[in-house]
Amino acid sequence: MSNLTKGLDPRVRRTRTLLQQAFLDLMREKSFSTITVQDITERATVNRATFYAHFEDKYALLNALVHSRFQQMLSERLPGGFKWERHSLQVLIHIIFEFLGEVQQRWEEGNRPFEPLVARAVQQELYELLLRGIKQRKASSDSHNDPETAATVTSWSIFGAAVEWSRGERHLPIEQVCEHVLTVITRGIAL
């Protein structure tokens, strides 16, 4: 269960899940640009008013899906949460690579226009997670580094490498690429 739905009434969670699943199913059949709210509500067997009670539009639904899937992967792999340490960073890098690789494989060419929306959501989620981890560590240390800058540089380094890997021919296995990224990042950041 994601942080976005954790405190919600079970009926609300069920409805959100129905809408998200309907949207995912439609993404496998149609391009993002041709999917309408009406398509989603018909597939989910809910009315439009119910959709709008949960999401502003299909872009908000996509954003919620990205955040939900990312949080799910994070809670499965880092049940204690992200900490600003080598192991957590290693797992986080692997999650980002896997997530973006999954996005590239899952949706067909007709859905490429939605990639910037997914990219923005993933990068923002990554930045916020790193920032929290850095601030928690900074509170317990004498570090004088700027947490926002460290989170920005680290998040874009991880994200950029993952995007390039997910779009490319993937000559190296994910584990090896993630280890290279971790090494580059940790050489410039004391963990």
N, C-alpha and C. Protein backbone atom coordinates (compact mmCIF):
# COMPACT_ATOMS: atom_id res chain seq x y z
N MET A 1 0.85 -1.18 0.00
CA MET A 1 0.00 0.00 0.00
C MET A 1 0.89 1.24 0.00
N SER A 2 0.59 2.17 -0.84
CA SER A 2 1.42 3.36 -0.95
C SER A 2 1.09 4.37 0.14
N ASN A 3 2.02 5.32 0.32
CA ASN A 3 1.79 6.39 1.28
C ASN A 3 0.59 7.24 0.89
N LEU A 4 0.30 7.28 -0.43
CA LEU A 4 -0.81 8.10 -0.91
C LEU A 4 -2.16 7.52 -0.51
N THR A 5 -2.24 6.21 -0.29
CA THR A 5 -3.52 5.57 0.01
C THR A 5 -3.59 4.99 1.40
N LYS A 6 -2.49 5.02 2.14
CA LYS A 6 -2.40 4.36 3.44
C LYS A 6 -3.53 4.76 4.40
N GLY A 7 -3.82 6.02 4.54
CA GLY A 7 -4.82 6.48 5.51
C GLY A 7 -6.23 6.57 4.97
N LEU A 8 -6.44 6.13 3.74
CA LEU A 8 -7.75 6.27 3.11
C LEU A 8 -8.73 5.18 3.54
N ASP A 9 -9.99 5.53 3.52
CA ASP A 9 -11.07 4.58 3.75
C ASP A 9 -10.93 3.43 2.74
N PRO A 10 -11.20 2.19 3.15
CA PRO A 10 -11.06 1.05 2.24
C PRO A 10 -11.88 1.19 0.95
N ARG A 11 -13.05 1.82 1.03
CA ARG A 11 -13.86 2.01 -0.18
C ARG A 11 -13.20 2.97 -1.14
N VAL A 12 -12.59 4.00 -0.60
CA VAL A 12 -11.87 4.97 -1.44
C VAL A 12 -10.67 4.28 -2.09
N ARG A 13 -9.93 3.49 -1.31
CA ARG A 13 -8.79 2.75 -1.87
C ARG A 13 -9.24 1.81 -2.99
N ARG A 14 -10.36 1.12 -2.77
CA ARG A 14 -10.88 0.19 -3.79
C ARG A 14 -11.23 0.93 -5.08
N THR A 15 -11.89 2.07 -4.93
CA THR A 15 -12.28 2.86 -6.11
C THR A 15 -11.04 3.35 -6.85
N ARG A 16 -10.06 3.86 -6.12
CA ARG A 16 -8.82 4.32 -6.75
C ARG A 16 -8.13 3.17 -7.48
N THR A 17 -8.12 2.00 -6.85
CA THR A 17 -7.51 0.83 -7.47
C THR A 17 -8.25 0.44 -8.74
N LEU A 18 -9.56 0.48 -8.71
CA LEU A 18 -10.36 0.19 -9.91
C LEU A 18 -10.01 1.15 -11.05
N LEU A 19 -9.94 2.43 -10.72
CA LEU A 19 -9.64 3.44 -11.74
C LEU A 19 -8.22 3.25 -12.28
N GLN A 20 -7.29 2.99 -11.40
CA GLN A 20 -5.91 2.80 -11.84
C GLN A 20 -5.77 1.55 -12.71
N GLN A 21 -6.41 0.47 -12.31
CA GLN A 21 -6.33 -0.76 -13.10
C GLN A 21 -7.00 -0.59 -14.46
N ALA A 22 -8.13 0.08 -14.48
CA ALA A 22 -8.81 0.35 -15.75
C ALA A 22 -7.89 1.16 -16.68
N PHE A 23 -7.24 2.15 -16.12
CA PHE A 23 -6.33 2.99 -16.89
C PHE A 23 -5.15 2.18 -17.43
N LEU A 24 -4.57 1.33 -16.58
CA LEU A 24 -3.46 0.48 -17.04
C LEU A 24 -3.90 -0.46 -18.16
N ASP A 25 -5.06 -1.05 -17.99
CA ASP A 25 -5.58 -1.94 -19.03
C ASP A 25 -5.76 -1.19 -20.35
N LEU A 26 -6.32 0.00 -20.27
CA LEU A 26 -6.52 0.80 -21.48
C LEU A 26 -5.20 1.20 -22.12
N MET A 27 -4.18 1.46 -21.29
CA MET A 27 -2.86 1.83 -21.82
C MET A 27 -2.26 0.71 -22.65
N ARG A 28 -2.65 -0.51 -22.37
CA ARG A 28 -2.15 -1.65 -23.15
C ARG A 28 -2.88 -1.79 -24.48
N GLU A 29 -4.05 -1.16 -24.57
CA GLU A 29 -4.89 -1.28 -25.76
C GLU A 29 -4.87 -0.04 -26.65
N LYS A 30 -4.70 1.12 -26.04
CA LYS A 30 -4.81 2.38 -26.78
C LYS A 30 -3.65 3.29 -26.41
N SER A 31 -3.46 4.31 -27.20
CA SER A 31 -2.44 5.29 -26.85
C SER A 31 -2.97 6.23 -25.77
N PHE A 32 -2.06 6.77 -25.00
CA PHE A 32 -2.41 7.67 -23.91
C PHE A 32 -3.29 8.82 -24.40
N SER A 33 -2.92 9.39 -25.53
CA SER A 33 -3.64 10.57 -26.03
C SER A 33 -5.08 10.26 -26.41
N THR A 34 -5.38 9.01 -26.75
CA THR A 34 -6.76 8.68 -27.16
C THR A 34 -7.64 8.19 -26.01
N ILE A 35 -7.04 7.92 -24.87
CA ILE A 35 -7.83 7.47 -23.71
C ILE A 35 -8.56 8.66 -23.12
N THR A 36 -9.85 8.49 -22.88
CA THR A 36 -10.66 9.55 -22.29
C THR A 36 -11.08 9.15 -20.88
N VAL A 37 -11.51 10.12 -20.12
CA VAL A 37 -12.05 9.84 -18.79
C VAL A 37 -13.25 8.91 -18.92
N GLN A 38 -14.04 9.12 -19.95
CA GLN A 38 -15.20 8.24 -20.19
C GLN A 38 -14.74 6.78 -20.38
N ASP A 39 -13.68 6.58 -21.14
CA ASP A 39 -13.14 5.22 -21.33
C ASP A 39 -12.76 4.60 -19.98
N ILE A 40 -12.09 5.38 -19.17
CA ILE A 40 -11.62 4.90 -17.87
C ILE A 40 -12.79 4.54 -16.97
N THR A 41 -13.79 5.44 -16.91
CA THR A 41 -14.92 5.19 -16.01
C THR A 41 -15.76 3.99 -16.48
N GLU A 42 -15.91 3.85 -17.77
CA GLU A 42 -16.64 2.69 -18.28
C GLU A 42 -15.92 1.40 -17.94
N ARG A 43 -14.61 1.38 -18.12
CA ARG A 43 -13.83 0.18 -17.82
C ARG A 43 -13.85 -0.13 -16.32
N ALA A 44 -13.81 0.92 -15.50
CA ALA A 44 -13.81 0.73 -14.05
C ALA A 44 -15.21 0.53 -13.47
N THR A 45 -16.21 0.71 -14.29
CA THR A 45 -17.63 0.64 -13.89
C THR A 45 -17.96 1.60 -12.75
N VAL A 46 -17.50 2.84 -12.93
CA VAL A 46 -17.87 3.92 -12.02
C VAL A 46 -18.32 5.10 -12.87
N ASN A 47 -18.99 6.06 -12.25
CA ASN A 47 -19.43 7.20 -13.04
C ASN A 47 -18.36 8.31 -13.06
N ARG A 48 -18.56 9.25 -13.95
CA ARG A 48 -17.58 10.33 -14.11
C ARG A 48 -17.42 11.16 -12.84
N ALA A 49 -18.51 11.37 -12.13
CA ALA A 49 -18.42 12.14 -10.88
C ALA A 49 -17.49 11.44 -9.88
N THR A 50 -17.55 10.13 -9.85
CA THR A 50 -16.67 9.38 -8.96
C THR A 50 -15.22 9.56 -9.38
N PHE A 51 -14.97 9.49 -10.70
CA PHE A 51 -13.61 9.72 -11.19
C PHE A 51 -13.10 11.08 -10.71
N TYR A 52 -13.91 12.12 -10.93
CA TYR A 52 -13.47 13.48 -10.59
C TYR A 52 -13.40 13.72 -9.08
N ALA A 53 -14.03 12.88 -8.30
CA ALA A 53 -13.89 12.98 -6.85
C ALA A 53 -12.49 12.50 -6.42
N HIS A 54 -11.87 11.71 -7.27
CA HIS A 54 -10.55 11.15 -6.94
C HIS A 54 -9.40 11.80 -7.71
N PHE A 55 -9.65 12.17 -8.96
CA PHE A 55 -8.59 12.70 -9.82
C PHE A 55 -9.10 13.88 -10.63
N GLU A 56 -8.24 14.85 -10.84
CA GLU A 56 -8.60 16.03 -11.63
C GLU A 56 -8.79 15.67 -13.10
N ASP A 57 -7.92 14.79 -13.61
CA ASP A 57 -7.97 14.37 -15.02
C ASP A 57 -7.11 13.13 -15.18
N LYS A 58 -6.93 12.67 -16.41
CA LYS A 58 -6.16 11.45 -16.63
C LYS A 58 -4.68 11.67 -16.32
N TYR A 59 -4.21 12.90 -16.39
CA TYR A 59 -2.83 13.19 -16.05
C TYR A 59 -2.60 13.01 -14.56
N ALA A 60 -3.55 13.44 -13.75
CA ALA A 60 -3.46 13.25 -12.30
C ALA A 60 -3.52 11.76 -11.95
N LEU A 61 -4.32 11.02 -12.69
CA LEU A 61 -4.40 9.57 -12.50
C LEU A 61 -3.06 8.93 -12.84
N LEU A 62 -2.46 9.33 -13.95
CA LEU A 62 -1.15 8.80 -14.33
C LEU A 62 -0.11 9.13 -13.26
N ASN A 63 -0.13 10.35 -12.77
CA ASN A 63 0.80 10.77 -11.72
C ASN A 63 0.62 9.91 -10.47
N ALA A 64 -0.62 9.66 -10.08
CA ALA A 64 -0.90 8.82 -8.91
C ALA A 64 -0.40 7.39 -9.13
N LEU A 65 -0.57 6.89 -10.34
CA LEU A 65 -0.07 5.55 -10.67
C LEU A 65 1.44 5.46 -10.52
N VAL A 66 2.13 6.44 -11.03
CA VAL A 66 3.59 6.45 -10.95
C VAL A 66 4.03 6.48 -9.49
N HIS A 67 3.45 7.39 -8.73
CA HIS A 67 3.82 7.50 -7.31
C HIS A 67 3.49 6.21 -6.56
N SER A 68 2.34 5.65 -6.84
CA SER A 68 1.91 4.43 -6.16
C SER A 68 2.85 3.28 -6.45
N ARG A 69 3.20 3.08 -7.73
CA ARG A 69 4.10 1.98 -8.12
C ARG A 69 5.49 2.19 -7.54
N PHE A 70 5.97 3.42 -7.56
CA PHE A 70 7.29 3.71 -7.01
C PHE A 70 7.30 3.43 -5.50
N GLN A 71 6.29 3.89 -4.79
CA GLN A 71 6.20 3.65 -3.36
C GLN A 71 6.09 2.16 -3.04
N GLN A 72 5.36 1.43 -3.87
CA GLN A 72 5.23 -0.01 -3.68
C GLN A 72 6.60 -0.69 -3.80
N MET A 73 7.34 -0.35 -4.84
CA MET A 73 8.67 -0.94 -5.03
C MET A 73 9.59 -0.57 -3.87
N LEU A 74 9.50 0.65 -3.43
CA LEU A 74 10.33 1.12 -2.32
C LEU A 74 10.01 0.38 -1.03
N SER A 75 8.74 0.24 -0.71
CA SER A 75 8.37 -0.43 0.54
C SER A 75 8.69 -1.92 0.50
N GLU A 76 8.65 -2.54 -0.69
CA GLU A 76 9.02 -3.95 -0.81
C GLU A 76 10.52 -4.16 -0.62
N ARG A 77 11.32 -3.24 -1.14
CA ARG A 77 12.77 -3.42 -1.12
C ARG A 77 13.47 -2.76 0.06
N LEU A 78 12.86 -1.69 0.55
CA LEU A 78 13.42 -0.98 1.71
C LEU A 78 12.32 -0.84 2.77
N PRO A 79 11.94 -1.96 3.40
CA PRO A 79 10.82 -1.90 4.34
C PRO A 79 11.03 -0.92 5.50
N GLY A 80 12.28 -0.66 5.84
CA GLY A 80 12.56 0.31 6.91
C GLY A 80 12.63 1.73 6.41
N GLY A 81 12.41 1.92 5.12
CA GLY A 81 12.47 3.26 4.53
C GLY A 81 13.88 3.58 4.05
N PHE A 82 13.97 4.63 3.24
CA PHE A 82 15.26 5.05 2.70
C PHE A 82 16.05 5.79 3.75
N LYS A 83 17.32 5.43 3.86
CA LYS A 83 18.26 6.13 4.73
C LYS A 83 19.44 6.54 3.87
N TRP A 84 20.07 7.64 4.23
CA TRP A 84 21.20 8.14 3.47
C TRP A 84 22.43 7.31 3.84
N GLU A 85 22.49 6.11 3.25
CA GLU A 85 23.60 5.20 3.45
C GLU A 85 23.79 4.39 2.18
N ARG A 86 24.92 3.75 2.07
CA ARG A 86 25.29 3.04 0.83
C ARG A 86 24.26 2.00 0.41
N HIS A 87 23.84 1.12 1.33
CA HIS A 87 22.91 0.05 0.96
C HIS A 87 21.59 0.62 0.45
N SER A 88 21.02 1.58 1.16
CA SER A 88 19.75 2.17 0.73
C SER A 88 19.89 2.84 -0.63
N LEU A 89 20.99 3.54 -0.83
CA LEU A 89 21.23 4.21 -2.11
C LEU A 89 21.36 3.18 -3.24
N GLN A 90 22.04 2.08 -2.96
CA GLN A 90 22.19 1.01 -3.94
C GLN A 90 20.82 0.44 -4.34
N VAL A 91 19.98 0.18 -3.36
CA VAL A 91 18.64 -0.36 -3.63
C VAL A 91 17.81 0.67 -4.40
N LEU A 92 17.89 1.92 -3.99
CA LEU A 92 17.14 2.99 -4.65
C LEU A 92 17.55 3.13 -6.12
N ILE A 93 18.83 3.09 -6.40
CA ILE A 93 19.30 3.19 -7.78
C ILE A 93 18.72 2.03 -8.60
N HIS A 94 18.77 0.85 -8.04
CA HIS A 94 18.24 -0.33 -8.75
C HIS A 94 16.74 -0.16 -9.01
N ILE A 95 16.00 0.37 -8.04
CA ILE A 95 14.56 0.58 -8.21
C ILE A 95 14.29 1.55 -9.36
N ILE A 96 15.03 2.63 -9.42
CA ILE A 96 14.83 3.62 -10.48
C ILE A 96 15.12 3.00 -11.85
N PHE A 97 16.21 2.27 -11.96
CA PHE A 97 16.54 1.62 -13.23
C PHE A 97 15.45 0.62 -13.61
N GLU A 98 15.03 -0.18 -12.66
CA GLU A 98 14.00 -1.18 -12.92
C GLU A 98 12.68 -0.52 -13.32
N PHE A 99 12.31 0.53 -12.59
CA PHE A 99 11.06 1.23 -12.84
C PHE A 99 11.04 1.80 -14.25
N LEU A 100 12.09 2.51 -14.63
CA LEU A 100 12.12 3.11 -15.96
C LEU A 100 12.23 2.06 -17.06
N GLY A 101 12.93 0.97 -16.78
CA GLY A 101 12.97 -0.13 -17.73
C GLY A 101 11.60 -0.75 -17.92
N GLU A 102 10.86 -0.86 -16.82
CA GLU A 102 9.49 -1.40 -16.86
C GLU A 102 8.58 -0.50 -17.69
N VAL A 103 8.71 0.81 -17.51
CA VAL A 103 7.91 1.76 -18.27
C VAL A 103 8.20 1.63 -19.76
N GLN A 104 9.49 1.52 -20.11
CA GLN A 104 9.88 1.40 -21.52
C GLN A 104 9.32 0.12 -22.15
N GLN A 105 9.31 -0.95 -21.39
CA GLN A 105 8.85 -2.23 -21.93
C GLN A 105 7.34 -2.35 -21.96
N ARG A 106 6.68 -1.76 -20.99
CA ARG A 106 5.25 -1.99 -20.81
C ARG A 106 4.37 -1.35 -21.87
N TRP A 107 4.71 -0.13 -22.25
CA TRP A 107 3.81 0.58 -23.13
C TRP A 107 4.36 0.73 -24.54
N GLU A 108 3.47 0.65 -25.48
CA GLU A 108 3.82 0.68 -26.90
C GLU A 108 4.22 2.08 -27.36
N GLU A 109 4.68 2.13 -28.60
CA GLU A 109 5.12 3.39 -29.21
C GLU A 109 4.08 4.51 -29.12
N GLY A 110 2.81 4.18 -29.25
CA GLY A 110 1.76 5.20 -29.21
C GLY A 110 1.65 5.91 -27.88
N ASN A 111 2.29 5.37 -26.87
CA ASN A 111 2.23 5.98 -25.55
C ASN A 111 3.48 6.78 -25.20
N ARG A 112 4.39 6.96 -26.15
CA ARG A 112 5.61 7.72 -25.89
C ARG A 112 5.33 9.17 -25.44
N PRO A 113 4.27 9.83 -25.92
CA PRO A 113 4.06 11.21 -25.48
C PRO A 113 3.84 11.37 -23.97
N PHE A 114 3.44 10.32 -23.28
CA PHE A 114 3.23 10.45 -21.84
C PHE A 114 4.54 10.29 -21.06
N GLU A 115 5.62 9.88 -21.72
CA GLU A 115 6.89 9.67 -21.03
C GLU A 115 7.38 10.88 -20.22
N PRO A 116 7.28 12.10 -20.75
CA PRO A 116 7.72 13.24 -19.93
C PRO A 116 6.92 13.37 -18.62
N LEU A 117 5.66 13.00 -18.65
CA LEU A 117 4.85 13.05 -17.42
C LEU A 117 5.36 12.04 -16.40
N VAL A 118 5.65 10.84 -16.88
CA VAL A 118 6.19 9.79 -16.00
C VAL A 118 7.56 10.21 -15.49
N ALA A 119 8.39 10.71 -16.39
CA ALA A 119 9.74 11.12 -16.02
C ALA A 119 9.71 12.20 -14.94
N ARG A 120 8.86 13.18 -15.10
CA ARG A 120 8.77 14.26 -14.11
C ARG A 120 8.33 13.71 -12.75
N ALA A 121 7.35 12.81 -12.76
CA ALA A 121 6.85 12.24 -11.51
C ALA A 121 7.92 11.40 -10.81
N VAL A 122 8.64 10.59 -11.59
CA VAL A 122 9.68 9.73 -11.01
C VAL A 122 10.82 10.59 -10.48
N GLN A 123 11.26 11.57 -11.26
CA GLN A 123 12.37 12.41 -10.83
C GLN A 123 12.01 13.20 -9.58
N GLN A 124 10.78 13.70 -9.50
CA GLN A 124 10.34 14.45 -8.32
C GLN A 124 10.28 13.55 -7.09
N GLU A 125 9.76 12.36 -7.27
CA GLU A 125 9.68 11.39 -6.16
C GLU A 125 11.09 11.05 -5.67
N LEU A 126 12.00 10.82 -6.60
CA LEU A 126 13.38 10.50 -6.25
C LEU A 126 14.04 11.67 -5.51
N TYR A 127 13.87 12.87 -6.01
CA TYR A 127 14.44 14.06 -5.37
C TYR A 127 13.94 14.20 -3.93
N GLU A 128 12.64 14.10 -3.75
CA GLU A 128 12.06 14.27 -2.41
C GLU A 128 12.55 13.21 -1.44
N LEU A 129 12.66 11.98 -1.92
CA LEU A 129 13.15 10.89 -1.08
C LEU A 129 14.60 11.12 -0.67
N LEU A 130 15.43 11.49 -1.62
CA LEU A 130 16.83 11.78 -1.32
C LEU A 130 16.96 12.97 -0.37
N LEU A 131 16.17 14.00 -0.61
CA LEU A 131 16.23 15.19 0.24
C LEU A 131 15.89 14.84 1.69
N ARG A 132 14.83 14.05 1.88
CA ARG A 132 14.48 13.63 3.25
C ARG A 132 15.62 12.84 3.89
N GLY A 133 16.21 11.93 3.12
CA GLY A 133 17.32 11.12 3.65
C GLY A 133 18.51 11.97 4.01
N ILE A 134 18.84 12.93 3.16
CA ILE A 134 19.99 13.81 3.42
C ILE A 134 19.72 14.67 4.66
N LYS A 135 18.51 15.22 4.75
CA LYS A 135 18.18 16.07 5.90
C LYS A 135 18.20 15.28 7.20
N GLN A 136 17.74 14.03 7.17
CA GLN A 136 17.77 13.20 8.38
C GLN A 136 19.22 12.94 8.79
N ARG A 137 20.05 12.64 7.82
CA ARG A 137 21.46 12.40 8.14
C ARG A 137 22.14 13.68 8.61
N LYS A 138 21.82 14.78 7.96
CA LYS A 138 22.43 16.06 8.32
C LYS A 138 22.07 16.45 9.75
N ALA A 139 20.84 16.16 10.15
CA ALA A 139 20.40 16.48 11.51
C ALA A 139 21.22 15.73 12.55
N SER A 140 21.75 14.57 12.17
CA SER A 140 22.52 13.77 13.12
C SER A 140 24.03 13.88 12.90
N SER A 141 24.46 14.83 12.06
CA SER A 141 25.90 14.98 11.81
C SER A 141 26.27 16.46 11.78
N ASP A 142 27.53 16.71 11.59
CA ASP A 142 28.03 18.09 11.53
C ASP A 142 28.17 18.60 10.10
N SER A 143 27.58 17.89 9.15
CA SER A 143 27.73 18.24 7.74
C SER A 143 27.21 19.65 7.46
N HIS A 144 27.96 20.39 6.67
CA HIS A 144 27.56 21.75 6.30
C HIS A 144 27.11 21.83 4.84
N ASN A 145 26.93 20.70 4.18
CA ASN A 145 26.51 20.69 2.78
C ASN A 145 25.06 21.15 2.65
N ASP A 146 24.76 21.68 1.50
CA ASP A 146 23.40 22.12 1.19
C ASP A 146 22.57 20.91 0.77
N PRO A 147 21.57 20.50 1.55
CA PRO A 147 20.80 19.30 1.23
C PRO A 147 20.07 19.38 -0.11
N GLU A 148 19.53 20.54 -0.46
CA GLU A 148 18.79 20.68 -1.72
C GLU A 148 19.69 20.45 -2.93
N THR A 149 20.89 21.02 -2.88
CA THR A 149 21.83 20.83 -3.97
C THR A 149 22.27 19.37 -4.06
N ALA A 150 22.59 18.77 -2.93
CA ALA A 150 23.00 17.36 -2.91
C ALA A 150 21.88 16.47 -3.46
N ALA A 151 20.64 16.74 -3.08
CA ALA A 151 19.51 15.94 -3.57
C ALA A 151 19.28 16.16 -5.06
N THR A 152 19.44 17.39 -5.52
CA THR A 152 19.27 17.69 -6.94
C THR A 152 20.32 16.97 -7.78
N VAL A 153 21.58 17.12 -7.41
CA VAL A 153 22.67 16.50 -8.17
C VAL A 153 22.54 14.98 -8.16
N THR A 154 22.28 14.42 -7.00
CA THR A 154 22.18 12.96 -6.89
C THR A 154 20.98 12.43 -7.65
N SER A 155 19.83 13.08 -7.50
CA SER A 155 18.62 12.58 -8.17
C SER A 155 18.77 12.64 -9.68
N TRP A 156 19.31 13.74 -10.20
CA TRP A 156 19.47 13.85 -11.65
C TRP A 156 20.54 12.91 -12.16
N SER A 157 21.56 12.64 -11.38
CA SER A 157 22.59 11.68 -11.79
C SER A 157 22.00 10.28 -11.93
N ILE A 158 21.25 9.86 -10.93
CA ILE A 158 20.61 8.54 -10.97
C ILE A 158 19.59 8.49 -12.09
N PHE A 159 18.74 9.49 -12.12
CA PHE A 159 17.65 9.51 -13.10
C PHE A 159 18.17 9.55 -14.53
N GLY A 160 19.13 10.42 -14.79
CA GLY A 160 19.69 10.54 -16.14
C GLY A 160 20.32 9.24 -16.61
N ALA A 161 21.08 8.60 -15.74
CA ALA A 161 21.70 7.33 -16.10
C ALA A 161 20.64 6.26 -16.35
N ALA A 162 19.60 6.25 -15.54
CA ALA A 162 18.53 5.25 -15.70
C ALA A 162 17.75 5.48 -17.00
N VAL A 163 17.49 6.72 -17.34
CA VAL A 163 16.79 7.02 -18.59
C VAL A 163 17.63 6.55 -19.78
N GLU A 164 18.90 6.88 -19.78
CA GLU A 164 19.78 6.47 -20.88
C GLU A 164 19.84 4.95 -21.00
N TRP A 165 19.96 4.27 -19.87
CA TRP A 165 20.01 2.80 -19.88
C TRP A 165 18.69 2.21 -20.39
N SER A 166 17.57 2.75 -19.92
CA SER A 166 16.27 2.18 -20.29
C SER A 166 15.95 2.39 -21.77
N ARG A 167 16.47 3.44 -22.36
CA ARG A 167 16.21 3.73 -23.77
C ARG A 167 17.21 3.06 -24.71
N GLY A 168 18.35 2.67 -24.16
CA GLY A 168 19.42 2.14 -24.99
C GLY A 168 19.34 0.65 -25.24
N GLU A 169 20.45 0.12 -25.72
CA GLU A 169 20.51 -1.30 -26.05
C GLU A 169 20.82 -2.17 -24.84
N ARG A 170 21.15 -1.58 -23.73
CA ARG A 170 21.40 -2.29 -22.46
C ARG A 170 22.49 -3.34 -22.61
N HIS A 171 23.65 -2.87 -23.00
CA HIS A 171 24.79 -3.77 -23.19
C HIS A 171 25.24 -4.39 -21.87
N LEU A 172 25.09 -3.65 -20.81
CA LEU A 172 25.48 -4.16 -19.49
C LEU A 172 24.24 -4.55 -18.70
N PRO A 173 24.35 -5.58 -17.87
CA PRO A 173 23.21 -5.96 -17.02
C PRO A 173 22.89 -4.86 -16.01
N ILE A 174 21.66 -4.82 -15.59
CA ILE A 174 21.20 -3.76 -14.68
C ILE A 174 22.04 -3.69 -13.40
N GLU A 175 22.42 -4.83 -12.86
CA GLU A 175 23.20 -4.84 -11.62
C GLU A 175 24.54 -4.14 -11.81
N GLN A 176 25.17 -4.40 -12.93
CA GLN A 176 26.48 -3.80 -13.21
C GLN A 176 26.36 -2.30 -13.43
N VAL A 177 25.37 -1.88 -14.19
CA VAL A 177 25.18 -0.45 -14.44
C VAL A 177 24.86 0.28 -13.13
N CYS A 178 23.99 -0.29 -12.33
CA CYS A 178 23.63 0.32 -11.04
C CYS A 178 24.84 0.45 -10.13
N GLU A 179 25.70 -0.56 -10.14
CA GLU A 179 26.92 -0.50 -9.32
C GLU A 179 27.84 0.61 -9.81
N HIS A 180 27.94 0.79 -11.13
CA HIS A 180 28.76 1.89 -11.68
C HIS A 180 28.20 3.25 -11.23
N VAL A 181 26.89 3.39 -11.31
CA VAL A 181 26.27 4.65 -10.90
C VAL A 181 26.51 4.90 -9.41
N LEU A 182 26.33 3.87 -8.60
CA LEU A 182 26.57 4.00 -7.16
C LEU A 182 28.00 4.43 -6.88
N THR A 183 28.94 3.83 -7.58
CA THR A 183 30.35 4.18 -7.38
C THR A 183 30.62 5.63 -7.73
N VAL A 184 30.09 6.08 -8.86
CA VAL A 184 30.29 7.48 -9.27
C VAL A 184 29.70 8.42 -8.23
N ILE A 185 28.50 8.12 -7.76
CA ILE A 185 27.84 9.01 -6.80
C ILE A 185 28.56 9.01 -5.45
N THR A 186 28.91 7.84 -4.95
CA THR A 186 29.50 7.78 -3.61
C THR A 186 30.93 8.31 -3.55
N ARG A 187 31.61 8.36 -4.69
CA ARG A 187 32.95 8.95 -4.67
C ARG A 187 32.89 10.44 -4.37
N GLY A 188 31.76 11.06 -4.75
CA GLY A 188 31.63 12.48 -4.50
C GLY A 188 30.80 12.81 -3.27
N ILE A 189 30.23 11.78 -2.64
CA ILE A 189 29.38 11.99 -1.47
C ILE A 189 29.83 11.04 -0.39
N ALA A 190 30.10 11.56 0.78
CA ALA A 190 30.53 10.71 1.89
C ALA A 190 29.32 9.98 2.48
N LEU A 191 29.37 8.66 2.43
CA LEU A 191 28.31 7.83 3.02
C LEU A 191 28.83 7.10 4.22
